Amino acid sequence: MSSTSASVSNDTNVAIFKRVYGDVTNLLPEDFPLAKKIPFTEKQKVGDSYYEAVVLTNETGITLGGSTMDAFELNPAIAGVVKQISVTPYISVLPSVVPWGVISRSAGAGDKAFFDALETDAQKRLGRSIKDDVLPSMKKRYVAALPRAFAEHAARFYLGPGRDPPRALALARLDLANRNTLEARALAVETAIAAHEPAAACELAPPLAGGTPAQQFMAWRAFSGCKRTDEAAALAARLGIQR
């Protein structure tokens, strides 16, 4: 007599379960208490030093005359104390290295990342009480400060998560000026199409006609958008595009 044992339908055999992710839990203690109690204001920006008057004591010398009608002497006045303090700016540096790939791939957080890397990095350094309207301007300044070598990454960021095709086109042109390759040209054409600049796309597209199929396809899109029908038809025939 023989017997067989049935296979058990467990998570090893039936892989149907998903990972469920929660939010980020910050276990660090509350930081930047002084920055929250003494908020920064524009007028406190300093050149050499910043001065402010501080009241240390109120004036005193009160005389209590009582409730009788007798004559009494007044106590001498004691003036309050006001001193001026000066603060000289002090420089402190906390360097942080965040790869551009981490910044661009985590932009906006959502389903693809627990948090926006650049935004969280700024929060850690400037305090969690930083105003939300400060962060977008910080990101723009960060991108503006990038060297020409990072223009491609910045262009792809604004073409995708950044949702600013005109800015992407400007950066792609900068990238093309820095490295005149078919890859850089294809990016410039793609950003021009996204920015609704068909004339710019057509001006940049001709060299792509001799590139890879993907680059030829980008040239076809550009020629189709600016009514250069003969060139678009030639590329369509080569690529097998039927319209």
C-alpha atoms as a PDB file:
ATOM      1  CA  MET A   1       0.000   0.000   0.000  1.00  0.00           C
ATOM      2  CA  SER A   2       1.369   3.379  -0.948  1.00  0.00           C
ATOM      3  CA  SER A   3       0.320   6.845   0.051  1.00  0.00           C
ATOM      4  CA  THR A   4       0.955  10.314  -1.266  1.00  0.00           C
ATOM      5  CA  SER A   5       0.883  13.514   0.674  1.00  0.00           C
ATOM      6  CA  ALA A   6      -0.829  16.522  -0.853  1.00  0.00           C
ATOM      7  CA  SER A   7       1.103  19.725  -1.278  1.00  0.00           C
ATOM      8  CA  VAL A   8       0.164  22.319   1.295  1.00  0.00           C
ATOM      9  CA  SER A   9      -0.981  25.652  -0.098  1.00  0.00           C
ATOM     10  CA  ASN A  10       1.250  27.886   1.983  1.00  0.00           C
ATOM     11  CA  ASP A  11       3.081  31.106   1.183  1.00  0.00           C
ATOM     12  CA  THR A  12       5.962  29.111  -0.297  1.00  0.00           C
ATOM     13  CA  ASN A  13       3.817  27.519  -2.990  1.00  0.00           C
ATOM     14  CA  VAL A  14       1.230  30.264  -3.459  1.00  0.00           C
ATOM     15  CA  ALA A  15       2.993  33.637  -3.657  1.00  0.00           C
ATOM     16  CA  ILE A  16      -0.026  35.918  -3.444  1.00  0.00           C
ATOM     17  CA  PHE A  17       0.881  38.188  -0.545  1.00  0.00           C
ATOM     18  CA  LYS A  18       2.118  41.754  -0.952  1.00  0.00           C
ATOM     19  CA  ARG A  19       4.345  43.800   1.259  1.00  0.00           C
ATOM     20  CA  VAL A  20       2.432  46.492   3.100  1.00  0.00           C
ATOM     21  CA  TYR A  21       4.347  49.664   3.912  1.00  0.00           C
ATOM     22  CA  GLY A  22       3.543  52.187   6.587  1.00  0.00           C
ATOM     23  CA  ASP A  23       4.757  55.755   6.923  1.00  0.00           C
ATOM     24  CA  VAL A  24       8.139  56.988   8.108  1.00  0.00           C
ATOM     25  CA  THR A  25       8.427  57.078  11.905  1.00  0.00           C
ATOM     26  CA  ASN A  26      10.981  59.565  13.183  1.00  0.00           C
ATOM     27  CA  LEU A  27      12.427  58.328  16.475  1.00  0.00           C
ATOM     28  CA  LEU A  28      14.832  61.237  16.873  1.00  0.00           C
ATOM     29  CA  PRO A  29      14.146  63.720  19.706  1.00  0.00           C
ATOM     30  CA  GLU A  30      12.701  67.114  18.869  1.00  0.00           C
ATOM     31  CA  ASP A  31      15.461  69.366  17.570  1.00  0.00           C
ATOM     32  CA  PHE A  32      16.117  73.051  16.879  1.00  0.00           C
ATOM     33  CA  PRO A  33      14.281  74.372  19.972  1.00  0.00           C
ATOM     34  CA  LEU A  34      15.883  77.829  19.739  1.00  0.00           C
ATOM     35  CA  ALA A  35      15.049  78.157  16.050  1.00  0.00           C
ATOM     36  CA  LYS A  36      11.396  77.588  16.916  1.00  0.00           C
ATOM     37  CA  LYS A  37      11.332  79.947  19.899  1.00  0.00           C
ATOM     38  CA  ILE A  38      13.283  82.691  18.078  1.00  0.00           C
ATOM     39  CA  PRO A  39      12.052  82.616  14.464  1.00  0.00           C
ATOM     40  CA  PHE A  40      14.233  84.068  11.728  1.00  0.00           C
ATOM     41  CA  THR A  41      13.112  87.337  10.161  1.00  0.00           C
ATOM     42  CA  GLU A  42      14.413  89.211   7.140  1.00  0.00           C
ATOM     43  CA  LYS A  43      15.502  92.258   9.169  1.00  0.00           C
ATOM     44  CA  GLN A  44      17.848  90.098  11.253  1.00  0.00           C
ATOM     45  CA  LYS A  45      20.156  89.485   8.310  1.00  0.00           C
ATOM     46  CA  VAL A  46      23.447  91.087   9.287  1.00  0.00           C
ATOM     47  CA  GLY A  47      26.528  92.507   7.667  1.00  0.00           C
ATOM     48  CA  ASP A  48      29.152  92.880  10.405  1.00  0.00           C
ATOM     49  CA  SER A  49      26.976  92.321  13.474  1.00  0.00           C
ATOM     50  CA  TYR A  50      23.414  92.594  14.754  1.00  0.00           C
ATOM     51  CA  TYR A  51      22.397  94.758  17.739  1.00  0.00           C
ATOM     52  CA  GLU A  52      19.257  94.621  19.805  1.00  0.00           C
ATOM     53  CA  ALA A  53      18.186  96.279  23.059  1.00  0.00           C
ATOM     54  CA  VAL A  54      17.221  93.942  25.893  1.00  0.00           C
ATOM     55  CA  VAL A  55      15.180  94.972  28.963  1.00  0.00           C
ATOM     56  CA  LEU A  56      16.778  93.359  32.012  1.00  0.00           C
ATOM     57  CA  THR A  57      14.786  94.961  34.860  1.00  0.00           C
ATOM     58  CA  ASN A  58      11.773  97.223  35.187  1.00  0.00           C
ATOM     59  CA  GLU A  59      11.966 100.518  37.075  1.00  0.00           C
ATOM     60  CA  THR A  60      11.112 100.230  40.782  1.00  0.00           C
ATOM     61  CA  GLY A  61      11.064 102.493  43.854  1.00  0.00           C
ATOM     62  CA  ILE A  62       7.354 102.291  44.585  1.00  0.00           C
ATOM     63  CA  THR A  63       6.228 104.077  47.742  1.00  0.00           C
ATOM     64  CA  LEU A  64       3.375 102.496  49.687  1.00  0.00           C
ATOM     65  CA  GLY A  65       1.591 105.352  51.475  1.00  0.00           C
ATOM     66  CA  GLY A  66      -0.783 103.205  53.444  1.00  0.00           C
ATOM     67  CA  SER A  67      -4.423 104.047  54.163  1.00  0.00           C
ATOM     68  CA  THR A  68      -3.878 106.845  56.719  1.00  0.00           C
ATOM     69  CA  MET A  69      -3.773 110.556  56.086  1.00  0.00           C
ATOM     70  CA  ASP A  70      -0.261 110.973  57.543  1.00  0.00           C
ATOM     71  CA  ALA A  71       2.514 112.580  55.565  1.00  0.00           C
ATOM     72  CA  PHE A  72       5.124 110.215  54.190  1.00  0.00           C
ATOM     73  CA  GLU A  73       8.347 110.358  52.206  1.00  0.00           C
ATOM     74  CA  LEU A  74       8.738 109.018  48.730  1.00  0.00           C
ATOM     75  CA  ASN A  75      11.222 106.259  48.149  1.00  0.00           C
ATOM     76  CA  PRO A  76      13.961 107.118  45.690  1.00  0.00           C
ATOM     77  CA  ALA A  77      13.386 106.116  42.073  1.00  0.00           C
ATOM     78  CA  ILE A  78      15.281 103.089  40.800  1.00  0.00           C
ATOM     79  CA  ALA A  79      15.684 103.112  37.053  1.00  0.00           C
ATOM     80  CA  GLY A  80      15.100 100.081  34.922  1.00  0.00           C
ATOM     81  CA  VAL A  81      18.039  98.488  33.136  1.00  0.00           C
ATOM     82  CA  VAL A  82      18.229  98.265  29.354  1.00  0.00           C
ATOM     83  CA  LYS A  83      21.358  96.892  27.719  1.00  0.00           C
ATOM     84  CA  GLN A  84      22.355  96.459  24.106  1.00  0.00           C
ATOM     85  CA  ILE A  85      23.617  93.095  22.951  1.00  0.00           C
ATOM     86  CA  SER A  86      25.436  92.320  19.734  1.00  0.00           C
ATOM     87  CA  VAL A  87      25.531  89.091  17.784  1.00  0.00           C
ATOM     88  CA  THR A  88      28.275  88.400  15.269  1.00  0.00           C
ATOM     89  CA  PRO A  89      27.379  85.882  12.553  1.00  0.00           C
ATOM     90  CA  TYR A  90      28.911  82.474  13.109  1.00  0.00           C
ATOM     91  CA  ILE A  91      29.446  80.059  10.268  1.00  0.00           C
ATOM     92  CA  SER A  92      28.723  76.376  10.715  1.00  0.00           C
ATOM     93  CA  VAL A  93      28.813  73.802   7.932  1.00  0.00           C
ATOM     94  CA  LEU A  94      27.072  70.427   7.846  1.00  0.00           C
ATOM     95  CA  PRO A  95      27.987  68.867   4.475  1.00  0.00           C
ATOM     96  CA  SER A  96      25.615  66.415   2.857  1.00  0.00           C
ATOM     97  CA  VAL A  97      26.175  64.359  -0.291  1.00  0.00           C
ATOM     98  CA  VAL A  98      22.954  63.322  -2.019  1.00  0.00           C
ATOM     99  CA  PRO A  99      23.335  61.684  -5.465  1.00  0.00           C
ATOM    100  CA  TRP A 100      21.234  63.270  -8.185  1.00  0.00           C
ATOM    101  CA  GLY A 101      19.703  59.879  -8.930  1.00  0.00           C
ATOM    102  CA  VAL A 102      18.367  59.717  -5.373  1.00  0.00           C
ATOM    103  CA  ILE A 103      16.930  63.236  -5.652  1.00  0.00           C
ATOM    104  CA  SER A 104      15.242  62.699  -9.021  1.00  0.00           C
ATOM    105  CA  ARG A 105      13.910  59.194  -8.307  1.00  0.00           C
ATOM    106  CA  SER A 106      12.438  60.187  -4.938  1.00  0.00           C
ATOM    107  CA  ALA A 107      10.999  63.537  -6.071  1.00  0.00           C
ATOM    108  CA  GLY A 108       7.452  63.944  -4.811  1.00  0.00           C
ATOM    109  CA  ALA A 109       7.642  60.732  -2.729  1.00  0.00           C
ATOM    110  CA  GLY A 110       4.235  59.023  -3.076  1.00  0.00           C
ATOM    111  CA  ASP A 111       4.216  55.360  -4.085  1.00  0.00           C
ATOM    112  CA  LYS A 112       7.844  55.257  -5.215  1.00  0.00           C
ATOM    113  CA  ALA A 113       9.644  56.498  -2.082  1.00  0.00           C
ATOM    114  CA  PHE A 114       8.979  57.017   1.623  1.00  0.00           C
ATOM    115  CA  PHE A 115       9.949  60.684   1.333  1.00  0.00           C
ATOM    116  CA  ASP A 116      11.434  63.286  -0.981  1.00  0.00           C
ATOM    117  CA  ALA A 117      15.199  63.042  -0.399  1.00  0.00           C
ATOM    118  CA  LEU A 118      16.017  66.704  -1.050  1.00  0.00           C
ATOM    119  CA  GLU A 119      13.085  67.989   0.981  1.00  0.00           C
ATOM    120  CA  THR A 120      13.877  65.740   3.931  1.00  0.00           C
ATOM    121  CA  ASP A 121      17.553  66.665   3.769  1.00  0.00           C
ATOM    122  CA  ALA A 122      16.599  70.329   3.976  1.00  0.00           C
ATOM    123  CA  GLN A 123      14.232  69.635   6.861  1.00  0.00           C
ATOM    124  CA  LYS A 124      16.970  67.886   8.833  1.00  0.00           C
ATOM    125  CA  ARG A 125      19.357  70.801   8.413  1.00  0.00           C
ATOM    126  CA  LEU A 126      17.005  73.752   8.778  1.00  0.00           C
ATOM    127  CA  GLY A 127      14.629  72.289  11.326  1.00  0.00           C
ATOM    128  CA  ARG A 128      11.276  70.599  11.017  1.00  0.00           C
ATOM    129  CA  SER A 129       9.514  73.953  11.415  1.00  0.00           C
ATOM    130  CA  ILE A 130      10.747  75.149   8.011  1.00  0.00           C
ATOM    131  CA  LYS A 131       7.921  76.653   5.985  1.00  0.00           C
ATOM    132  CA  ASP A 132       6.596  74.565   3.107  1.00  0.00           C
ATOM    133  CA  ASP A 133       6.855  77.468   0.662  1.00  0.00           C
ATOM    134  CA  VAL A 134      10.627  77.633   1.211  1.00  0.00           C
ATOM    135  CA  LEU A 135      11.320  74.132  -0.131  1.00  0.00           C
ATOM    136  CA  PRO A 136      10.375  74.623  -3.815  1.00  0.00           C
ATOM    137  CA  SER A 137      12.621  77.667  -4.058  1.00  0.00           C
ATOM    138  CA  MET A 138      15.421  75.691  -2.420  1.00  0.00           C
ATOM    139  CA  LYS A 139      15.082  72.951  -5.030  1.00  0.00           C
ATOM    140  CA  LYS A 140      15.189  75.482  -7.851  1.00  0.00           C
ATOM    141  CA  ARG A 141      18.316  77.102  -6.408  1.00  0.00           C
ATOM    142  CA  TYR A 142      19.912  73.664  -6.031  1.00  0.00           C
ATOM    143  CA  VAL A 143      19.299  72.808  -9.666  1.00  0.00           C
ATOM    144  CA  ALA A 144      20.457  76.264 -10.783  1.00  0.00           C
ATOM    145  CA  ALA A 145      23.724  75.759  -8.934  1.00  0.00           C
ATOM    146  CA  LEU A 146      24.490  72.432 -10.603  1.00  0.00           C
ATOM    147  CA  PRO A 147      27.427  72.433 -13.005  1.00  0.00           C
ATOM    148  CA  ARG A 148      26.911  71.913 -16.722  1.00  0.00           C
ATOM    149  CA  ALA A 149      27.759  68.226 -16.307  1.00  0.00           C
ATOM    150  CA  PHE A 150      24.465  67.731 -14.449  1.00  0.00           C
ATOM    151  CA  ALA A 151      22.296  69.543 -17.002  1.00  0.00           C
ATOM    152  CA  GLU A 152      21.077  66.240 -18.495  1.00  0.00           C
ATOM    153  CA  HIS A 153      19.885  64.910 -15.123  1.00  0.00           C
ATOM    154  CA  ALA A 154      18.208  68.228 -14.328  1.00  0.00           C
ATOM    155  CA  ALA A 155      16.494  68.271 -17.756  1.00  0.00           C
ATOM    156  CA  ARG A 156      15.130  64.757 -17.233  1.00  0.00           C
ATOM    157  CA  PHE A 157      13.902  65.767 -13.780  1.00  0.00           C
ATOM    158  CA  TYR A 158      11.924  68.737 -15.134  1.00  0.00           C
ATOM    159  CA  LEU A 159      10.688  66.668 -18.076  1.00  0.00           C
ATOM    160  CA  GLY A 160       9.301  64.094 -15.627  1.00  0.00           C
ATOM    161  CA  PRO A 161       8.635  64.673 -11.913  1.00  0.00           C
ATOM    162  CA  GLY A 162       9.425  68.408 -12.092  1.00  0.00           C
ATOM    163  CA  ARG A 163       6.667  68.941 -14.710  1.00  0.00           C
ATOM    164  CA  ASP A 164       8.291  72.002 -16.264  1.00  0.00           C
ATOM    165  CA  PRO A 165       9.010  71.238 -19.962  1.00  0.00           C
ATOM    166  CA  PRO A 166      10.216  74.789 -20.835  1.00  0.00           C
ATOM    167  CA  ARG A 167      12.783  74.576 -18.038  1.00  0.00           C
ATOM    168  CA  ALA A 168      13.702  71.073 -19.225  1.00  0.00           C
ATOM    169  CA  LEU A 169      14.238  72.406 -22.764  1.00  0.00           C
ATOM    170  CA  ALA A 170      16.576  75.145 -21.527  1.00  0.00           C
ATOM    171  CA  LEU A 171      18.603  72.605 -19.560  1.00  0.00           C
ATOM    172  CA  ALA A 172      18.641  70.146 -22.479  1.00  0.00           C
ATOM    173  CA  ARG A 173      20.017  72.892 -24.748  1.00  0.00           C
ATOM    174  CA  LEU A 174      22.711  73.548 -22.153  1.00  0.00           C
ATOM    175  CA  ASP A 175      23.516  69.835 -22.093  1.00  0.00           C
ATOM    176  CA  LEU A 176      23.680  69.723 -25.895  1.00  0.00           C
ATOM    177  CA  ALA A 177      26.049  72.690 -25.954  1.00  0.00           C
ATOM    178  CA  ASN A 178      28.249  70.919 -23.423  1.00  0.00           C
ATOM    179  CA  ARG A 179      28.273  67.514 -25.182  1.00  0.00           C
ATOM    180  CA  ASN A 180      27.089  67.486 -28.781  1.00  0.00           C
ATOM    181  CA  THR A 181      25.996  63.844 -29.027  1.00  0.00           C
ATOM    182  CA  LEU A 182      22.954  62.222 -30.586  1.00  0.00           C
ATOM    183  CA  GLU A 183      21.792  61.200 -27.122  1.00  0.00           C
ATOM    184  CA  ALA A 184      21.884  64.803 -25.901  1.00  0.00           C
ATOM    185  CA  ARG A 185      20.195  65.966 -29.112  1.00  0.00           C
ATOM    186  CA  ALA A 186      17.403  63.403 -28.735  1.00  0.00           C
ATOM    187  CA  LEU A 187      16.761  64.688 -25.203  1.00  0.00           C
ATOM    188  CA  ALA A 188      16.641  68.265 -26.508  1.00  0.00           C
ATOM    189  CA  VAL A 189      14.132  67.266 -29.207  1.00  0.00           C
ATOM    190  CA  GLU A 190      11.982  65.378 -26.678  1.00  0.00           C
ATOM    191  CA  THR A 191      11.888  68.371 -24.318  1.00  0.00           C
ATOM    192  CA  ALA A 192      11.073  70.720 -27.202  1.00  0.00           C
ATOM    193  CA  ILE A 193       8.105  68.532 -28.188  1.00  0.00           C
ATOM    194  CA  ALA A 194       6.924  68.416 -24.561  1.00  0.00           C
ATOM    195  CA  ALA A 195       7.272  72.210 -24.320  1.00  0.00           C
ATOM    196  CA  HIS A 196       5.109  72.636 -27.447  1.00  0.00           C
ATOM    197  CA  GLU A 197       8.000  74.148 -29.411  1.00  0.00           C
ATOM    198  CA  PRO A 198       7.712  72.350 -32.793  1.00  0.00           C
ATOM    199  CA  ALA A 199      10.040  74.784 -34.577  1.00  0.00           C
ATOM    200  CA  ALA A 200      12.787  74.166 -32.035  1.00  0.00           C
ATOM    201  CA  ALA A 201      12.255  70.399 -32.271  1.00  0.00           C
ATOM    202  CA  CYS A 202      12.540  70.485 -36.087  1.00  0.00           C
ATOM    203  CA  GLU A 203      15.659  72.619 -35.943  1.00  0.00           C
ATOM    204  CA  LEU A 204      17.382  70.104 -33.662  1.00  0.00           C
ATOM    205  CA  ALA A 205      16.070  66.883 -35.213  1.00  0.00           C
ATOM    206  CA  PRO A 206      17.855  66.312 -38.592  1.00  0.00           C
ATOM    207  CA  PRO A 207      21.025  64.583 -37.252  1.00  0.00           C
ATOM    208  CA  LEU A 208      18.806  62.066 -35.419  1.00  0.00           C
ATOM    209  CA  ALA A 209      17.654  60.636 -38.754  1.00  0.00           C
ATOM    210  CA  GLY A 210      20.952  58.735 -38.924  1.00  0.00           C
ATOM    211  CA  GLY A 211      20.893  57.530 -35.327  1.00  0.00           C
ATOM    212  CA  THR A 212      19.414  54.567 -33.505  1.00  0.00           C
ATOM    213  CA  PRO A 213      15.787  53.539 -34.126  1.00  0.00           C
ATOM    214  CA  ALA A 214      14.761  55.356 -30.938  1.00  0.00           C
ATOM    215  CA  GLN A 215      16.517  58.521 -32.117  1.00  0.00           C
ATOM    216  CA  GLN A 216      14.968  58.187 -35.582  1.00  0.00           C
ATOM    217  CA  PHE A 217      11.566  57.864 -33.955  1.00  0.00           C
ATOM    218  CA  MET A 218      12.204  61.114 -32.058  1.00  0.00           C
ATOM    219  CA  ALA A 219      13.131  62.789 -35.349  1.00  0.00           C
ATOM    220  CA  TRP A 220       9.928  61.451 -36.911  1.00  0.00           C
ATOM    221  CA  ARG A 221       7.893  62.966 -34.076  1.00  0.00           C
ATOM    222  CA  ALA A 222       9.604  66.311 -34.576  1.00  0.00           C
ATOM    223  CA  PHE A 223       9.138  66.340 -38.372  1.00  0.00           C
ATOM    224  CA  SER A 224       5.498  65.280 -38.007  1.00  0.00           C
ATOM    225  CA  GLY A 225       4.879  68.159 -35.628  1.00  0.00           C
ATOM    226  CA  CYS A 226       6.293  70.849 -37.905  1.00  0.00           C
ATOM    227  CA  LYS A 227       4.747  69.523 -41.146  1.00  0.00           C
ATOM    228  CA  ARG A 228       7.998  68.376 -42.777  1.00  0.00           C
ATOM    229  CA  THR A 229       5.989  65.592 -44.333  1.00  0.00           C
ATOM    230  CA  ASP A 230       8.577  64.214 -46.765  1.00  0.00           C
ATOM    231  CA  GLU A 231      11.182  63.631 -44.061  1.00  0.00           C
ATOM    232  CA  ALA A 232       8.545  62.282 -41.682  1.00  0.00           C
ATOM    233  CA  ALA A 233       7.267  59.870 -44.358  1.00  0.00           C
ATOM    234  CA  ALA A 234      10.795  58.609 -45.111  1.00  0.00           C
ATOM    235  CA  LEU A 235      11.427  57.877 -41.441  1.00  0.00           C
ATOM    236  CA  ALA A 236       8.004  56.286 -41.044  1.00  0.00           C
ATOM    237  CA  ALA A 237       8.759  53.902 -43.921  1.00  0.00           C
ATOM    238  CA  ARG A 238      12.146  53.043 -42.443  1.00  0.00           C
ATOM    239  CA  LEU A 239      10.712  52.413 -38.991  1.00  0.00           C
ATOM    240  CA  GLY A 240       7.610  50.596 -40.201  1.00  0.00           C
ATOM    241  CA  ILE A 241       5.233  53.206 -38.831  1.00  0.00           C
ATOM    242  CA  GLN A 242       1.800  53.072 -40.437  1.00  0.00           C
ATOM    243  CA  ARG A 243      -0.573  56.003 -40.173  1.00  0.00           C
END
